[in-house]
Amino acid sequence: MEQAELTTVQVLKRDIPWETYMVTKLISGTNLQLLRRYDNRPESYKAQLLDDDGPAYVRDFLTYKVYYG
């Protein structure tokens, strides 16, 4: 069980190649900007982003079904 938890932590910490998703047209340039601002940030920073521009992030997350741990 401990090994599974370690694997989950490792997966959540890995870098996601957002630029590749944009180049292959899976996400737009605007989506890339939002994801770069949000990804791998502290929870307090993410909360502020959602307070400031929540609807844009919700659209982005739901459109691309991205899960952020």
N, C-alpha and C. Protein backbone atom coordinates (compact mmCIF):
# COMPACT_ATOMS: atom_id res chain seq x y z
N MET A 1 0.83 -1.19 0.00
CA MET A 1 0.00 0.00 0.00
C MET A 1 0.87 1.25 0.00
N GLU A 2 1.95 1.25 0.75
CA GLU A 2 2.83 2.41 0.82
C GLU A 2 3.43 2.71 -0.55
N GLN A 3 3.80 1.67 -1.29
CA GLN A 3 4.36 1.86 -2.63
C GLN A 3 3.35 2.52 -3.56
N ALA A 4 2.07 2.15 -3.46
CA ALA A 4 1.03 2.75 -4.30
C ALA A 4 0.91 4.24 -4.00
N GLU A 5 1.01 4.62 -2.74
CA GLU A 5 0.94 6.03 -2.37
C GLU A 5 2.13 6.79 -2.94
N LEU A 6 3.29 6.22 -2.90
CA LEU A 6 4.48 6.85 -3.45
C LEU A 6 4.30 7.05 -4.95
N THR A 7 3.78 6.08 -5.63
CA THR A 7 3.54 6.18 -7.06
C THR A 7 2.56 7.30 -7.36
N THR A 8 1.51 7.44 -6.59
CA THR A 8 0.53 8.50 -6.77
C THR A 8 1.20 9.87 -6.60
N VAL A 9 2.01 10.01 -5.59
CA VAL A 9 2.72 11.28 -5.36
C VAL A 9 3.64 11.59 -6.53
N GLN A 10 4.35 10.59 -7.00
CA GLN A 10 5.25 10.80 -8.13
C GLN A 10 4.47 11.22 -9.38
N VAL A 11 3.36 10.60 -9.62
CA VAL A 11 2.55 10.94 -10.79
C VAL A 11 2.04 12.36 -10.69
N LEU A 12 1.57 12.76 -9.53
CA LEU A 12 1.02 14.10 -9.37
C LEU A 12 2.09 15.18 -9.46
N LYS A 13 3.34 14.83 -9.18
CA LYS A 13 4.42 15.82 -9.22
C LYS A 13 5.07 15.94 -10.60
N ARG A 14 4.78 15.05 -11.49
CA ARG A 14 5.46 15.10 -12.79
C ARG A 14 5.02 16.31 -13.60
N ASP A 15 5.91 16.77 -14.44
CA ASP A 15 5.60 17.89 -15.32
C ASP A 15 4.75 17.41 -16.48
N ILE A 16 3.77 18.19 -16.83
CA ILE A 16 2.91 17.87 -17.96
C ILE A 16 3.37 18.75 -19.13
N PRO A 17 3.61 18.17 -20.28
CA PRO A 17 4.10 18.95 -21.43
C PRO A 17 2.97 19.73 -22.11
N TRP A 18 2.51 20.79 -21.46
CA TRP A 18 1.37 21.55 -21.99
C TRP A 18 1.63 22.08 -23.39
N GLU A 19 2.87 22.47 -23.67
CA GLU A 19 3.19 23.01 -24.99
C GLU A 19 2.92 21.98 -26.08
N THR A 20 3.21 20.72 -25.79
CA THR A 20 2.95 19.64 -26.75
C THR A 20 1.46 19.54 -27.03
N TYR A 21 0.64 19.69 -26.00
CA TYR A 21 -0.81 19.65 -26.19
C TYR A 21 -1.26 20.81 -27.08
N MET A 22 -0.64 21.97 -26.94
CA MET A 22 -1.01 23.11 -27.77
C MET A 22 -0.54 22.90 -29.22
N VAL A 23 0.69 22.43 -29.39
CA VAL A 23 1.22 22.21 -30.74
C VAL A 23 0.36 21.21 -31.50
N THR A 24 -0.13 20.20 -30.81
CA THR A 24 -0.98 19.19 -31.46
C THR A 24 -2.44 19.61 -31.49
N LYS A 25 -2.71 20.86 -31.08
CA LYS A 25 -4.04 21.46 -31.11
C LYS A 25 -5.06 20.78 -30.20
N LEU A 26 -4.56 20.17 -29.14
CA LEU A 26 -5.46 19.61 -28.14
C LEU A 26 -5.94 20.69 -27.17
N ILE A 27 -5.14 21.76 -27.03
CA ILE A 27 -5.53 22.92 -26.25
C ILE A 27 -5.15 24.17 -27.03
N SER A 28 -5.79 25.28 -26.69
CA SER A 28 -5.49 26.54 -27.37
C SER A 28 -4.39 27.30 -26.63
N GLY A 29 -3.92 28.38 -27.24
CA GLY A 29 -2.93 29.22 -26.59
C GLY A 29 -3.44 29.82 -25.30
N THR A 30 -4.72 30.20 -25.29
CA THR A 30 -5.33 30.73 -24.07
C THR A 30 -5.37 29.67 -22.98
N ASN A 31 -5.75 28.45 -23.36
CA ASN A 31 -5.76 27.35 -22.39
C ASN A 31 -4.37 27.10 -21.84
N LEU A 32 -3.36 27.17 -22.70
CA LEU A 32 -1.98 26.97 -22.27
C LEU A 32 -1.60 28.01 -21.22
N GLN A 33 -1.96 29.27 -21.44
CA GLN A 33 -1.64 30.32 -20.48
C GLN A 33 -2.30 30.04 -19.13
N LEU A 34 -3.58 29.66 -19.15
CA LEU A 34 -4.28 29.37 -17.90
C LEU A 34 -3.64 28.18 -17.18
N LEU A 35 -3.34 27.14 -17.92
CA LEU A 35 -2.76 25.94 -17.31
C LEU A 35 -1.38 26.22 -16.73
N ARG A 36 -0.57 26.99 -17.45
CA ARG A 36 0.76 27.34 -16.93
C ARG A 36 0.66 28.13 -15.63
N ARG A 37 -0.30 29.04 -15.57
CA ARG A 37 -0.48 29.83 -14.35
C ARG A 37 -0.92 28.97 -13.18
N TYR A 38 -1.69 27.94 -13.44
CA TYR A 38 -2.32 27.13 -12.38
C TYR A 38 -1.48 25.92 -11.96
N ASP A 39 -0.87 25.27 -12.91
CA ASP A 39 -0.19 24.00 -12.67
C ASP A 39 1.00 24.16 -11.72
N ASN A 40 1.12 23.23 -10.78
CA ASN A 40 2.25 23.16 -9.83
C ASN A 40 2.38 24.40 -8.96
N ARG A 41 1.27 24.99 -8.59
CA ARG A 41 1.27 26.17 -7.71
C ARG A 41 0.72 25.78 -6.34
N PRO A 42 1.06 26.56 -5.34
CA PRO A 42 0.51 26.31 -4.00
C PRO A 42 -1.02 26.50 -4.01
N GLU A 43 -1.68 25.80 -3.10
CA GLU A 43 -3.14 25.86 -3.02
C GLU A 43 -3.65 27.29 -2.83
N SER A 44 -2.94 28.09 -2.04
CA SER A 44 -3.38 29.47 -1.81
C SER A 44 -3.33 30.29 -3.10
N TYR A 45 -2.33 30.04 -3.93
CA TYR A 45 -2.21 30.74 -5.21
C TYR A 45 -3.32 30.30 -6.16
N LYS A 46 -3.59 28.99 -6.20
CA LYS A 46 -4.67 28.47 -7.03
C LYS A 46 -6.01 29.07 -6.61
N ALA A 47 -6.23 29.17 -5.32
CA ALA A 47 -7.48 29.74 -4.82
C ALA A 47 -7.64 31.18 -5.28
N GLN A 48 -6.56 31.94 -5.25
CA GLN A 48 -6.62 33.33 -5.72
C GLN A 48 -6.91 33.41 -7.21
N LEU A 49 -6.30 32.54 -7.99
CA LEU A 49 -6.59 32.50 -9.43
C LEU A 49 -8.07 32.21 -9.68
N LEU A 50 -8.61 31.27 -8.93
CA LEU A 50 -10.02 30.93 -9.10
C LEU A 50 -10.92 32.06 -8.65
N ASP A 51 -10.54 32.78 -7.60
CA ASP A 51 -11.31 33.95 -7.16
C ASP A 51 -11.29 35.02 -8.24
N ASP A 52 -10.13 35.22 -8.86
CA ASP A 52 -9.97 36.29 -9.84
C ASP A 52 -10.60 35.97 -11.19
N ASP A 53 -10.49 34.72 -11.63
CA ASP A 53 -10.91 34.37 -12.99
C ASP A 53 -11.51 32.96 -13.03
N GLY A 54 -12.32 32.65 -12.04
CA GLY A 54 -12.90 31.32 -11.90
C GLY A 54 -13.60 30.77 -13.12
N PRO A 55 -14.51 31.55 -13.75
CA PRO A 55 -15.23 31.00 -14.91
C PRO A 55 -14.32 30.53 -16.04
N ALA A 56 -13.24 31.24 -16.28
CA ALA A 56 -12.31 30.82 -17.35
C ALA A 56 -11.65 29.49 -16.99
N TYR A 57 -11.27 29.34 -15.72
CA TYR A 57 -10.65 28.08 -15.30
C TYR A 57 -11.65 26.93 -15.33
N VAL A 58 -12.86 27.19 -14.90
CA VAL A 58 -13.88 26.13 -14.92
C VAL A 58 -14.12 25.67 -16.35
N ARG A 59 -14.26 26.62 -17.28
CA ARG A 59 -14.43 26.25 -18.70
C ARG A 59 -13.25 25.42 -19.18
N ASP A 60 -12.06 25.85 -18.83
CA ASP A 60 -10.85 25.14 -19.26
C ASP A 60 -10.81 23.73 -18.68
N PHE A 61 -11.05 23.60 -17.39
CA PHE A 61 -10.99 22.29 -16.74
C PHE A 61 -12.05 21.35 -17.28
N LEU A 62 -13.24 21.85 -17.48
CA LEU A 62 -14.32 20.98 -17.96
C LEU A 62 -14.16 20.63 -19.44
N THR A 63 -13.68 21.57 -20.21
CA THR A 63 -13.49 21.31 -21.64
C THR A 63 -12.46 20.23 -21.86
N TYR A 64 -11.40 20.26 -21.13
CA TYR A 64 -10.30 19.31 -21.33
C TYR A 64 -10.24 18.23 -20.27
N LYS A 65 -11.19 18.25 -19.36
CA LYS A 65 -11.29 17.21 -18.32
C LYS A 65 -9.96 17.00 -17.63
N VAL A 66 -9.33 18.09 -17.30
CA VAL A 66 -8.04 18.05 -16.62
C VAL A 66 -8.29 17.94 -15.12
N TYR A 67 -7.59 17.04 -14.47
CA TYR A 67 -7.70 16.90 -13.02
C TYR A 67 -6.41 17.40 -12.40
N TYR A 68 -6.57 18.28 -11.43
CA TYR A 68 -5.42 18.79 -10.69
C TYR A 68 -5.54 18.30 -9.27
N GLY A 69 -4.53 17.57 -8.80
CA GLY A 69 -4.55 17.02 -7.46
C GLY A 69 -4.23 18.02 -6.40
